[in-house]
Protein backbone atom coordinates (compact mmCIF):
# COMPACT_ATOMS: atom_id res chain seq x y z
CA UNK A 1 -67.89 -31.05 -101.83
CA UNK A 2 -68.27 -33.18 -98.70
CA UNK A 3 -66.79 -36.65 -98.82
CA UNK A 4 -70.06 -38.11 -97.67
CA UNK A 5 -73.20 -37.03 -99.49
CA UNK A 6 -75.64 -38.45 -96.98
CA UNK A 7 -76.01 -40.09 -93.63
CA UNK A 8 -76.68 -43.36 -95.48
CA UNK A 9 -73.30 -43.16 -97.17
CA UNK A 10 -71.60 -42.52 -93.81
CA UNK A 11 -73.32 -45.50 -92.22
CA UNK A 12 -72.39 -47.66 -95.18
CA UNK A 13 -68.77 -46.57 -94.93
CA UNK A 14 -68.70 -47.47 -91.24
CA UNK A 15 -70.16 -50.86 -91.99
CA UNK A 16 -67.49 -51.54 -94.59
CA UNK A 17 -64.71 -50.42 -92.21
CA UNK A 18 -66.07 -52.62 -89.44
CA UNK A 19 -66.32 -55.62 -91.77
CA UNK A 20 -62.70 -55.13 -92.79
CA UNK A 21 -61.27 -54.51 -89.32
CA UNK A 22 -63.58 -56.21 -86.81
CA UNK A 23 -61.53 -59.38 -86.47
CA UNK A 24 -58.26 -57.56 -85.86
CA UNK A 25 -59.93 -55.17 -83.42
CA UNK A 26 -61.55 -57.97 -81.44
CA UNK A 27 -58.27 -59.90 -81.33
CA UNK A 28 -56.50 -56.81 -80.00
CA UNK A 29 -59.10 -56.21 -77.31
CA UNK A 30 -59.05 -59.89 -76.38
CA UNK A 31 -55.27 -59.94 -76.14
CA UNK A 32 -55.35 -56.86 -73.92
CA UNK A 33 -57.95 -58.35 -71.60
CA UNK A 34 -56.02 -61.62 -71.48
CA UNK A 35 -52.81 -59.79 -70.56
CA UNK A 36 -54.56 -57.92 -67.75
CA UNK A 37 -56.16 -61.12 -66.45
CA UNK A 38 -52.86 -63.01 -66.65
CA UNK A 39 -51.03 -60.26 -64.75
CA UNK A 40 -53.66 -60.21 -62.02
CA UNK A 41 -53.59 -64.00 -61.78
CA UNK A 42 -49.78 -64.03 -61.58
CA UNK A 43 -49.78 -61.43 -58.82
CA UNK A 44 -52.40 -63.33 -56.86
CA UNK A 45 -50.51 -66.61 -57.26
CA UNK A 46 -47.29 -64.93 -56.16
CA UNK A 47 -49.01 -63.48 -53.09
CA UNK A 48 -50.48 -66.87 -52.21
CA UNK A 49 -47.09 -68.53 -52.75
CA UNK A 50 -45.39 -66.06 -50.41
CA UNK A 51 -48.08 -66.48 -47.76
CA UNK A 52 -47.63 -70.25 -47.90
CA UNK A 53 -43.88 -69.79 -47.42
CA UNK A 54 -44.59 -67.53 -44.45
CA UNK A 55 -46.77 -70.19 -42.84
CA UNK A 56 -44.10 -72.87 -43.23
CA UNK A 57 -41.46 -70.50 -41.86
CA UNK A 58 -43.59 -69.72 -38.82
CA UNK A 59 -43.84 -73.44 -38.16
CA UNK A 60 -40.08 -73.72 -38.58
CA UNK A 61 -39.39 -71.06 -35.96
CA UNK A 62 -41.86 -72.76 -33.63
CA UNK A 63 -40.15 -76.15 -33.79
CA UNK A 64 -36.75 -74.48 -33.36
CA UNK A 65 -38.00 -72.88 -30.14
CA UNK A 66 -39.24 -76.29 -29.03
CA UNK A 67 -35.79 -77.82 -29.74
CA UNK A 68 -37.26 -80.12 -32.39
CA UNK A 69 -34.23 -79.77 -34.60
CA UNK A 70 -34.82 -82.75 -36.90
CA UNK A 71 -38.28 -81.41 -37.73
CA UNK A 72 -36.77 -77.96 -38.26
CA UNK A 73 -34.32 -79.33 -40.82
CA UNK A 74 -37.17 -81.00 -42.72
CA UNK A 75 -39.16 -77.76 -42.81
CA UNK A 76 -36.12 -75.73 -43.85
CA UNK A 77 -35.48 -78.14 -46.71
CA UNK A 78 -39.12 -77.83 -47.77
CA UNK A 79 -38.81 -74.05 -47.93
CA UNK A 80 -35.57 -74.31 -49.87
CA UNK A 81 -37.15 -76.68 -52.39
CA UNK A 82 -40.60 -75.15 -52.82
CA UNK A 83 -40.19 -71.50 -51.85
CA UNK A 84 -36.62 -70.67 -52.88
CA UNK A 85 -37.93 -67.65 -54.80
CA UNK A 86 -39.24 -65.99 -51.63
CA UNK A 87 -37.39 -64.01 -48.93
CA UNK A 88 -38.11 -66.85 -46.48
CA UNK A 89 -35.55 -69.11 -48.16
CA UNK A 90 -32.62 -67.16 -46.72
CA UNK A 91 -34.21 -66.95 -43.27
CA UNK A 92 -34.87 -70.68 -43.35
CA UNK A 93 -31.24 -71.27 -44.25
CA UNK A 94 -30.14 -69.45 -41.10
CA UNK A 95 -32.55 -71.48 -38.99
CA UNK A 96 -31.43 -74.69 -40.64
CA UNK A 97 -27.82 -73.93 -39.72
CA UNK A 98 -28.88 -73.45 -36.11
CA UNK A 99 -30.68 -76.78 -36.11
CA UNK A 100 -27.72 -78.53 -37.73
CA UNK A 101 -25.36 -77.15 -35.09
CA UNK A 102 -27.61 -78.58 -32.41
CA UNK A 103 -27.46 -81.99 -34.07
CA UNK A 104 -23.65 -81.83 -34.30
CA UNK A 105 -23.64 -81.46 -38.09
CA UNK A 106 -21.21 -78.57 -38.15
CA UNK A 107 -20.01 -78.87 -41.75
CA UNK A 108 -23.58 -79.03 -42.99
CA UNK A 109 -24.36 -75.93 -40.91
CA UNK A 110 -21.50 -74.06 -42.58
CA UNK A 111 -22.75 -75.18 -46.00
CA UNK A 112 -26.23 -73.87 -45.21
CA UNK A 113 -24.83 -70.51 -44.12
CA UNK A 114 -22.56 -70.25 -47.15
CA UNK A 115 -25.55 -70.90 -49.40
CA UNK A 116 -27.42 -68.03 -47.76
CA UNK A 117 -24.34 -65.82 -48.11
CA UNK A 118 -24.24 -66.56 -51.83
CA UNK A 119 -27.94 -66.53 -52.70
CA UNK A 120 -29.77 -64.18 -50.34
CA UNK A 121 -31.16 -61.09 -52.03
CA UNK A 122 -30.79 -59.10 -48.82
CA UNK A 123 -27.23 -57.81 -48.38
CA UNK A 124 -27.40 -57.79 -44.57
CA UNK A 125 -28.54 -61.42 -44.47
CA UNK A 126 -25.60 -62.32 -46.68
CA UNK A 127 -23.14 -60.80 -44.21
CA UNK A 128 -24.89 -62.31 -41.17
CA UNK A 129 -24.71 -65.77 -42.72
CA UNK A 130 -21.08 -65.34 -43.75
CA UNK A 131 -20.04 -64.09 -40.30
CA UNK A 132 -21.80 -67.02 -38.61
CA UNK A 133 -20.07 -69.49 -40.91
CA UNK A 134 -16.70 -67.89 -40.12
CA UNK A 135 -17.37 -68.25 -36.39
CA UNK A 136 -18.08 -71.95 -36.75
CA UNK A 137 -14.98 -72.48 -38.84
CA UNK A 138 -12.81 -70.63 -36.32
CA UNK A 139 -14.23 -72.79 -33.55
CA UNK A 140 -13.35 -75.83 -35.66
CA UNK A 141 -9.74 -74.71 -35.99
CA UNK A 142 -9.81 -73.18 -39.47
CA UNK A 143 -8.23 -69.93 -38.31
CA UNK A 144 -5.81 -69.44 -41.19
CA UNK A 145 -8.31 -70.05 -43.97
CA UNK A 146 -10.87 -67.83 -42.28
CA UNK A 147 -8.34 -65.00 -42.06
CA UNK A 148 -7.72 -65.34 -45.80
CA UNK A 149 -11.47 -65.29 -46.50
CA UNK A 150 -12.05 -62.29 -44.22
CA UNK A 151 -9.25 -60.34 -45.92
CA UNK A 152 -10.90 -61.10 -49.27
CA UNK A 153 -14.18 -59.65 -48.00
CA UNK A 154 -12.50 -56.56 -46.56
CA UNK A 155 -10.68 -56.01 -49.87
CA UNK A 156 -14.06 -56.31 -51.63
CA UNK A 157 -12.94 -59.20 -53.80
CA UNK A 158 -15.70 -60.87 -55.79
CA UNK A 159 -17.87 -57.77 -55.56
CA UNK A 160 -18.47 -58.18 -51.81
CA UNK A 161 -18.60 -54.94 -49.86
CA UNK A 162 -18.35 -55.39 -46.06
CA UNK A 163 -20.05 -52.04 -45.43
CA UNK A 164 -21.26 -51.60 -41.87
CA UNK A 165 -20.17 -55.17 -41.04
CA UNK A 166 -16.45 -54.45 -41.46
CA UNK A 167 -16.01 -54.15 -37.68
CA UNK A 168 -17.47 -57.62 -37.12
CA UNK A 169 -15.18 -59.09 -39.76
CA UNK A 170 -12.14 -57.44 -38.16
CA UNK A 171 -13.20 -58.67 -34.72
CA UNK A 172 -13.43 -62.23 -36.05
CA UNK A 173 -10.00 -61.86 -37.58
CA UNK A 174 -8.72 -60.72 -34.19
CA UNK A 175 -10.22 -63.87 -32.62
CA UNK A 176 -8.54 -66.05 -35.25
CA UNK A 177 -5.12 -64.43 -34.74
CA UNK A 178 -5.52 -64.73 -30.98
CA UNK A 179 -6.16 -68.47 -31.24
CA UNK A 180 -3.07 -68.73 -33.46
CA UNK A 181 -1.06 -67.01 -30.74
CA UNK A 182 -0.28 -63.90 -32.80
CA UNK A 183 -1.02 -61.28 -30.16
CA UNK A 184 0.11 -58.25 -32.16
CA UNK A 185 -2.02 -59.04 -35.22
CA UNK A 186 -4.91 -59.88 -32.95
CA UNK A 187 -4.53 -56.52 -31.19
CA UNK A 188 -4.37 -54.63 -34.49
CA UNK A 189 -7.54 -56.32 -35.74
CA UNK A 190 -9.39 -55.54 -32.52
CA UNK A 191 -8.31 -51.90 -32.75
CA UNK A 192 -9.58 -51.60 -36.32
CA UNK A 193 -12.81 -53.32 -35.27
CA UNK A 194 -13.21 -50.99 -32.32
CA UNK A 195 -13.01 -47.96 -34.57
CA UNK A 196 -16.13 -49.02 -36.45
CA UNK A 197 -17.94 -50.93 -33.72
CA UNK A 198 -21.23 -49.81 -32.20
CA UNK A 199 -23.05 -52.33 -30.01
CA UNK A 200 -19.98 -54.52 -29.53
CA UNK A 201 -17.62 -51.83 -28.25
CA UNK A 202 -17.55 -53.12 -24.66
CA UNK A 203 -16.90 -56.71 -25.69
CA UNK A 204 -14.15 -55.64 -28.07
CA UNK A 205 -12.54 -53.47 -25.41
CA UNK A 206 -12.54 -56.43 -22.99
CA UNK A 207 -10.88 -58.62 -25.62
CA UNK A 208 -8.30 -55.93 -26.30
CA UNK A 209 -7.57 -55.40 -22.62
CA UNK A 210 -7.22 -59.13 -22.09
CA UNK A 211 -4.30 -59.23 -24.54
CA UNK A 212 -2.27 -57.14 -22.12
CA UNK A 213 -0.39 -53.90 -22.78
CA UNK A 214 1.29 -53.52 -26.18
CA UNK A 215 5.05 -53.07 -26.52
CA UNK A 216 6.27 -49.63 -25.47
CA UNK A 217 6.23 -47.00 -28.21
CA UNK A 218 4.43 -49.27 -30.65
CA UNK A 219 1.96 -47.63 -32.99
CA UNK A 220 -0.69 -50.15 -32.04
CA UNK A 221 -0.25 -49.25 -28.39
CA UNK A 222 -0.69 -45.56 -29.06
CA UNK A 223 -3.85 -46.12 -31.05
CA UNK A 224 -5.22 -48.54 -28.46
CA UNK A 225 -4.72 -46.00 -25.68
CA UNK A 226 -6.42 -43.31 -27.72
CA UNK A 227 -9.42 -45.46 -28.56
CA UNK A 228 -9.78 -46.72 -24.99
CA UNK A 229 -9.84 -43.13 -23.73
CA UNK A 230 -12.54 -42.27 -26.25
CA UNK A 231 -14.64 -45.28 -25.28
CA UNK A 232 -14.56 -44.31 -21.60
CA UNK A 233 -15.95 -40.82 -22.24
């Protein structure tokens, strides 16, 4: 026998089911629509937020080009405070360091670069910021501490992988040793840097040549001669 004896019984059954489940069904549909609306609103707000950060950053680059460094620092701080969750925060940190250098605030410039090196989500920006901070510190006479920090990066301490920037780190280490008067360690660092260098090969070769010839029969001298010959091909 069929469960339902007539169309009237089927309609009545549907009415009873709807009466029992309507509230739960409507709540479920409402929750789903609310979730979709909230997601769309969040995405739109995020897009607007990023566009606002872009506008402020464009103004920052403009005032930097106009040598309005005090204004640049203000704008960079605004981005750091309001738009730290956007990619423009790291870029603003690099620009801020440039402005600080031009206002003779060298320690503050290093701090800005170190913050980018620690917080940037882009790995390349991290290395660019770290290398720039090392250059400033070397210029300020912190050769020994920079060498220690560079060695830590090269050894991948703290989860830092130098990757394609290893040549730039080694070149900086060569500069630091050179300023300390340690010609042999400077030469060795330049040689290692030259092995992995691309755009900076000529500059590195000039630095290496400027150190003079290595001691006869030294391993460094043999390697330097080999690399120089390769670079001249």
